[in-house]
């Protein structure tokens, strides 16, 4: 009985994939590229304009 259910499920999945492929739907589409994140350090002469501050370290710029 379980084999019959799995067979019917497989047939329905194949029919659905065939119907969707007619409309150009690709179920295995590649991932969209993730945006790049650039971290920038403010090395100006003035004080930092950061909202959150951390303990002062000597290795700044």
PDB file of N, CA and C in Angstrom:
ATOM      1  N   UNK A   1       0.829  -1.198   0.000  1.00  0.00           N
ATOM      2  CA  UNK A   1       0.000   0.000   0.000  1.00  0.00           C
ATOM      3  C   UNK A   1       0.873   1.261   0.000  1.00  0.00           C
ATOM      4  N   UNK A   2       1.939   1.240   0.822  1.00  0.00           N
ATOM      5  CA  UNK A   2       2.825   2.400   0.886  1.00  0.00           C
ATOM      6  C   UNK A   2       3.525   2.614  -0.457  1.00  0.00           C
ATOM      7  N   UNK A   3       3.869   1.538  -1.132  1.00  0.00           N
ATOM      8  CA  UNK A   3       4.508   1.641  -2.436  1.00  0.00           C
ATOM      9  C   UNK A   3       3.575   2.296  -3.446  1.00  0.00           C
ATOM     10  N   UNK A   4       2.309   1.955  -3.386  1.00  0.00           N
ATOM     11  CA  UNK A   4       1.327   2.556  -4.281  1.00  0.00           C
ATOM     12  C   UNK A   4       1.198   4.052  -4.031  1.00  0.00           C
ATOM     13  N   UNK A   5       1.182   4.440  -2.762  1.00  0.00           N
ATOM     14  CA  UNK A   5       1.094   5.858  -2.418  1.00  0.00           C
ATOM     15  C   UNK A   5       2.332   6.598  -2.919  1.00  0.00           C
ATOM     16  N   UNK A   6       3.512   6.006  -2.746  1.00  0.00           N
ATOM     17  CA  UNK A   6       4.743   6.642  -3.216  1.00  0.00           C
ATOM     18  C   UNK A   6       4.769   6.736  -4.743  1.00  0.00           C
ATOM     19  N   UNK A   7       4.240   5.721  -5.419  1.00  0.00           N
ATOM     20  CA  UNK A   7       4.177   5.750  -6.874  1.00  0.00           C
ATOM     21  C   UNK A   7       3.257   6.869  -7.362  1.00  0.00           C
ATOM     22  N   UNK A   8       2.105   6.995  -6.745  1.00  0.00           N
ATOM     23  CA  UNK A   8       1.169   8.058  -7.120  1.00  0.00           C
ATOM     24  C   UNK A   8       1.764   9.426  -6.815  1.00  0.00           C
ATOM     25  N   UNK A   9       2.436   9.555  -5.682  1.00  0.00           N
ATOM     26  CA  UNK A   9       3.077  10.824  -5.318  1.00  0.00           C
ATOM     27  C   UNK A   9       4.155  11.193  -6.337  1.00  0.00           C
ATOM     28  N   UNK A  10       4.933  10.215  -6.772  1.00  0.00           N
ATOM     29  CA  UNK A  10       5.963  10.470  -7.774  1.00  0.00           C
ATOM     30  C   UNK A  10       5.368  10.900  -9.104  1.00  0.00           C
ATOM     31  N   UNK A  11       4.282  10.260  -9.509  1.00  0.00           N
ATOM     32  CA  UNK A  11       3.622  10.639 -10.757  1.00  0.00           C
ATOM     33  C   UNK A  11       3.065  12.054 -10.693  1.00  0.00           C
ATOM     34  N   UNK A  12       2.463  12.402  -9.563  1.00  0.00           N
ATOM     35  CA  UNK A  12       1.928  13.755  -9.404  1.00  0.00           C
ATOM     36  C   UNK A  12       3.061  14.776  -9.435  1.00  0.00           C
ATOM     37  N   UNK A  13       4.189  14.456  -8.796  1.00  0.00           N
ATOM     38  CA  UNK A  13       5.334  15.372  -8.805  1.00  0.00           C
ATOM     39  C   UNK A  13       5.888  15.552 -10.218  1.00  0.00           C
ATOM     40  N   UNK A  14       5.967  14.466 -10.987  1.00  0.00           N
ATOM     41  CA  UNK A  14       6.456  14.578 -12.363  1.00  0.00           C
ATOM     42  C   UNK A  14       5.494  15.380 -13.227  1.00  0.00           C
ATOM     43  N   UNK A  15       4.203  15.188 -13.045  1.00  0.00           N
ATOM     44  CA  UNK A  15       3.222  15.966 -13.807  1.00  0.00           C
ATOM     45  C   UNK A  15       3.289  17.447 -13.446  1.00  0.00           C
ATOM     46  N   UNK A  16       3.455  17.730 -12.171  1.00  0.00           N
ATOM     47  CA  UNK A  16       3.561  19.126 -11.747  1.00  0.00           C
ATOM     48  C   UNK A  16       4.822  19.769 -12.327  1.00  0.00           C
ATOM     49  N   UNK A  17       5.950  19.044 -12.307  1.00  0.00           N
ATOM     50  CA  UNK A  17       7.191  19.584 -12.872  1.00  0.00           C
ATOM     51  C   UNK A  17       7.045  19.823 -14.377  1.00  0.00           C
ATOM     52  N   UNK A  18       6.374  18.906 -15.066  1.00  0.00           N
ATOM     53  CA  UNK A  18       6.170  19.075 -16.507  1.00  0.00           C
ATOM     54  C   UNK A  18       5.274  20.280 -16.793  1.00  0.00           C
ATOM     55  N   UNK A  19       4.231  20.452 -15.992  1.00  0.00           N
ATOM     56  CA  UNK A  19       3.328  21.587 -16.196  1.00  0.00           C
ATOM     57  C   UNK A  19       4.040  22.908 -15.910  1.00  0.00           C
ATOM     58  N   UNK A  20       4.846  22.953 -14.857  1.00  0.00           N
ATOM     59  CA  UNK A  20       5.563  24.188 -14.528  1.00  0.00           C
ATOM     60  C   UNK A  20       6.648  24.500 -15.551  1.00  0.00           C
ATOM     61  N   UNK A  21       7.258  23.467 -16.140  1.00  0.00           N
ATOM     62  CA  UNK A  21       8.310  23.722 -17.122  1.00  0.00           C
ATOM     63  C   UNK A  21       7.741  24.340 -18.401  1.00  0.00           C
ATOM     64  N   UNK A  22       6.464  24.115 -18.662  1.00  0.00           N
ATOM     65  CA  UNK A  22       5.847  24.744 -19.827  1.00  0.00           C
ATOM     66  C   UNK A  22       5.822  26.267 -19.694  1.00  0.00           C
ATOM     67  N   UNK A  23       5.756  26.752 -18.448  1.00  0.00           N
ATOM     68  CA  UNK A  23       5.713  28.190 -18.192  1.00  0.00           C
ATOM     69  C   UNK A  23       7.087  28.768 -17.884  1.00  0.00           C
ATOM     70  N   UNK A  24       8.118  27.949 -17.987  1.00  0.00           N
ATOM     71  CA  UNK A  24       9.476  28.439 -17.759  1.00  0.00           C
ATOM     72  C   UNK A  24       9.891  28.496 -16.313  1.00  0.00           C
ATOM     73  N   UNK A  25       9.194  27.800 -15.437  1.00  0.00           N
ATOM     74  CA  UNK A  25       9.551  27.791 -14.022  1.00  0.00           C
ATOM     75  C   UNK A  25      10.634  26.745 -13.819  1.00  0.00           C
ATOM     76  N   UNK A  26      11.754  27.158 -13.213  1.00  0.00           N
ATOM     77  CA  UNK A  26      12.854  26.241 -12.939  1.00  0.00           C
ATOM     78  C   UNK A  26      12.939  26.026 -11.442  1.00  0.00           C
ATOM     79  N   UNK A  27      12.743  24.803 -10.996  1.00  0.00           N
ATOM     80  CA  UNK A  27      12.751  24.502  -9.564  1.00  0.00           C
ATOM     81  C   UNK A  27      14.162  24.492  -8.996  1.00  0.00           C
ATOM     82  N   UNK A  28      15.180  24.365  -9.845  1.00  0.00           N
ATOM     83  CA  UNK A  28      16.571  24.337  -9.400  1.00  0.00           C
ATOM     84  C   UNK A  28      17.293  25.601  -9.843  1.00  0.00           C
ATOM     85  N   UNK A  29      16.670  26.729  -9.628  1.00  0.00           N
ATOM     86  CA  UNK A  29      17.267  28.002 -10.042  1.00  0.00           C
ATOM     87  C   UNK A  29      18.486  28.303  -9.174  1.00  0.00           C
ATOM     88  N   UNK A  30      19.541  28.896  -9.746  1.00  0.00           N
ATOM     89  CA  UNK A  30      20.727  29.244  -8.953  1.00  0.00           C
ATOM     90  C   UNK A  30      20.401  30.350  -7.952  1.00  0.00           C
ATOM     91  N   UNK A  31      21.157  30.367  -6.873  1.00  0.00           N
ATOM     92  CA  UNK A  31      20.958  31.395  -5.848  1.00  0.00           C
ATOM     93  C   UNK A  31      21.317  32.767  -6.392  1.00  0.00           C
ATOM     94  N   UNK A  32      20.629  33.770  -5.904  1.00  0.00           N
ATOM     95  CA  UNK A  32      20.975  35.142  -6.271  1.00  0.00           C
ATOM     96  C   UNK A  32      22.256  35.522  -5.538  1.00  0.00           C
ATOM     97  N   UNK A  33      23.119  36.304  -6.189  1.00  0.00           N
ATOM     98  CA  UNK A  33      24.361  36.688  -5.515  1.00  0.00           C
ATOM     99  C   UNK A  33      24.077  37.562  -4.299  1.00  0.00           C
ATOM    100  N   UNK A  34      24.820  37.302  -3.256  1.00  0.00           N
ATOM    101  CA  UNK A  34      24.658  38.083  -2.038  1.00  0.00           C
ATOM    102  C   UNK A  34      25.379  39.421  -2.199  1.00  0.00           C
ATOM    103  N   UNK A  35      24.837  40.496  -1.651  1.00  0.00           N
ATOM    104  CA  UNK A  35      25.506  41.800  -1.785  1.00  0.00           C
ATOM    105  C   UNK A  35      26.830  41.814  -1.008  1.00  0.00           C
ATOM    106  N   UNK A  36      27.769  42.553  -1.552  1.00  0.00           N
ATOM    107  CA  UNK A  36      29.065  42.671  -0.878  1.00  0.00           C
ATOM    108  C   UNK A  36      28.965  43.676   0.266  1.00  0.00           C
ATOM    109  N   UNK A  37      29.676  43.387   1.323  1.00  0.00           N
ATOM    110  CA  UNK A  37      29.705  44.276   2.481  1.00  0.00           C
ATOM    111  C   UNK A  37      31.134  44.778   2.629  1.00  0.00           C
ATOM    112  N   UNK A  38      31.289  46.082   2.592  1.00  0.00           N
ATOM    113  CA  UNK A  38      32.609  46.684   2.745  1.00  0.00           C
ATOM    114  C   UNK A  38      32.685  47.358   4.107  1.00  0.00           C
ATOM    115  N   UNK A  39      33.679  46.986   4.867  1.00  0.00           N
ATOM    116  CA  UNK A  39      33.879  47.602   6.178  1.00  0.00           C
ATOM    117  C   UNK A  39      34.903  48.726   6.019  1.00  0.00           C
ATOM    118  N   UNK A  40      34.541  49.907   6.477  1.00  0.00           N
ATOM    119  CA  UNK A  40      35.371  51.078   6.291  1.00  0.00           C
ATOM    120  C   UNK A  40      35.739  51.638   7.658  1.00  0.00           C
ATOM    121  N   UNK A  41      36.988  52.052   7.795  1.00  0.00           N
ATOM    122  CA  UNK A  41      37.430  52.658   9.054  1.00  0.00           C
ATOM    123  C   UNK A  41      37.575  54.157   8.848  1.00  0.00           C
ATOM    124  N   UNK A  42      37.107  54.932   9.802  1.00  0.00           N
ATOM    125  CA  UNK A  42      37.232  56.377   9.757  1.00  0.00           C
ATOM    126  C   UNK A  42      38.558  56.747  10.413  1.00  0.00           C
ATOM    127  N   UNK A  43      39.523  57.218   9.625  1.00  0.00           N
ATOM    128  CA  UNK A  43      40.855  57.518  10.142  1.00  0.00           C
ATOM    129  C   UNK A  43      41.145  59.014  10.090  1.00  0.00           C
ATOM    130  N   UNK A  44      40.143  59.837  10.192  1.00  0.00           N
ATOM    131  CA  UNK A  44      40.352  61.282  10.147  1.00  0.00           C
ATOM    132  C   UNK A  44      40.994  61.815  11.414  1.00  0.00           C
ATOM    133  N   UNK A  45      41.309  63.119  11.408  1.00  0.00           N
ATOM    134  CA  UNK A  45      41.947  63.739  12.566  1.00  0.00           C
ATOM    135  C   UNK A  45      40.948  64.032  13.686  1.00  0.00           C
ATOM    136  N   UNK A  46      39.691  64.226  13.320  1.00  0.00           N
ATOM    137  CA  UNK A  46      38.680  64.569  14.310  1.00  0.00           C
ATOM    138  C   UNK A  46      38.217  63.347  15.097  1.00  0.00           C
ATOM    139  N   UNK A  47      37.377  63.589  16.083  1.00  0.00           N
ATOM    140  CA  UNK A  47      36.863  62.476  16.879  1.00  0.00           C
ATOM    141  C   UNK A  47      35.895  61.622  16.045  1.00  0.00           C
ATOM    142  N   UNK A  48      35.756  60.419  16.468  1.00  0.00           N
ATOM    143  CA  UNK A  48      34.879  59.494  15.769  1.00  0.00           C
ATOM    144  C   UNK A  48      33.426  59.905  15.977  1.00  0.00           C
ATOM    145  N   UNK A  49      32.585  59.696  14.962  1.00  0.00           N
ATOM    146  CA  UNK A  49      31.175  60.047  15.060  1.00  0.00           C
ATOM    147  C   UNK A  49      30.321  58.807  15.315  1.00  0.00           C
ATOM    148  N   UNK A  50      30.903  57.797  15.892  1.00  0.00           N
ATOM    149  CA  UNK A  50      30.188  56.551  16.131  1.00  0.00           C
ATOM    150  C   UNK A  50      29.138  56.756  17.218  1.00  0.00           C
ATOM    151  N   UNK A  51      28.029  56.089  17.056  1.00  0.00           N
ATOM    152  CA  UNK A  51      26.972  56.156  18.052  1.00  0.00           C
ATOM    153  C   UNK A  51      27.339  55.289  19.251  1.00  0.00           C
ATOM    154  N   UNK A  52      27.894  54.122  18.964  1.00  0.00           N
ATOM    155  CA  UNK A  52      28.316  53.214  20.022  1.00  0.00           C
ATOM    156  C   UNK A  52      29.827  53.229  20.090  1.00  0.00           C
ATOM    157  N   UNK A  53      30.376  53.347  21.271  1.00  0.00           N
ATOM    158  CA  UNK A  53      31.830  53.370  21.424  1.00  0.00           C
ATOM    159  C   UNK A  53      32.264  52.154  22.229  1.00  0.00           C
ATOM    160  N   UNK A  54      33.518  51.776  22.036  1.00  0.00           N
ATOM    161  CA  UNK A  54      34.099  50.671  22.771  1.00  0.00           C
ATOM    162  C   UNK A  54      35.298  51.181  23.558  1.00  0.00           C
ATOM    163  N   UNK A  55      35.899  50.314  24.314  1.00  0.00           N
ATOM    164  CA  UNK A  55      37.079  50.701  25.074  1.00  0.00           C
ATOM    165  C   UNK A  55      38.161  51.183  24.118  1.00  0.00           C
ATOM    166  N   UNK A  56      38.871  52.226  24.487  1.00  0.00           N
ATOM    167  CA  UNK A  56      39.915  52.814  23.638  1.00  0.00           C
ATOM    168  C   UNK A  56      41.096  51.853  23.531  1.00  0.00           C
ATOM    169  N   UNK A  57      41.505  51.611  22.280  1.00  0.00           N
ATOM    170  CA  UNK A  57      42.660  50.771  22.032  1.00  0.00           C
ATOM    171  C   UNK A  57      43.695  51.591  21.281  1.00  0.00           C
ATOM    172  N   UNK A  58      44.935  51.244  21.414  1.00  0.00           N
ATOM    173  CA  UNK A  58      46.026  51.996  20.795  1.00  0.00           C
ATOM    174  C   UNK A  58      46.287  51.647  19.344  1.00  0.00           C
ATOM    175  N   UNK A  59      45.583  50.679  18.783  1.00  0.00           N
ATOM    176  CA  UNK A  59      45.910  50.257  17.412  1.00  0.00           C
ATOM    177  C   UNK A  59      45.006  50.920  16.361  1.00  0.00           C
ATOM    178  N   UNK A  60      44.404  52.047  16.680  1.00  0.00           N
ATOM    179  CA  UNK A  60      43.579  52.761  15.711  1.00  0.00           C
ATOM    180  C   UNK A  60      44.452  53.432  14.666  1.00  0.00           C
ATOM    181  N   UNK A  61      44.130  53.305  13.427  1.00  0.00           N
ATOM    182  CA  UNK A  61      44.808  53.938  12.288  1.00  0.00           C
ATOM    183  C   UNK A  61      46.268  54.081  12.585  1.00  0.00           C
TER     184      UNK A  61
END
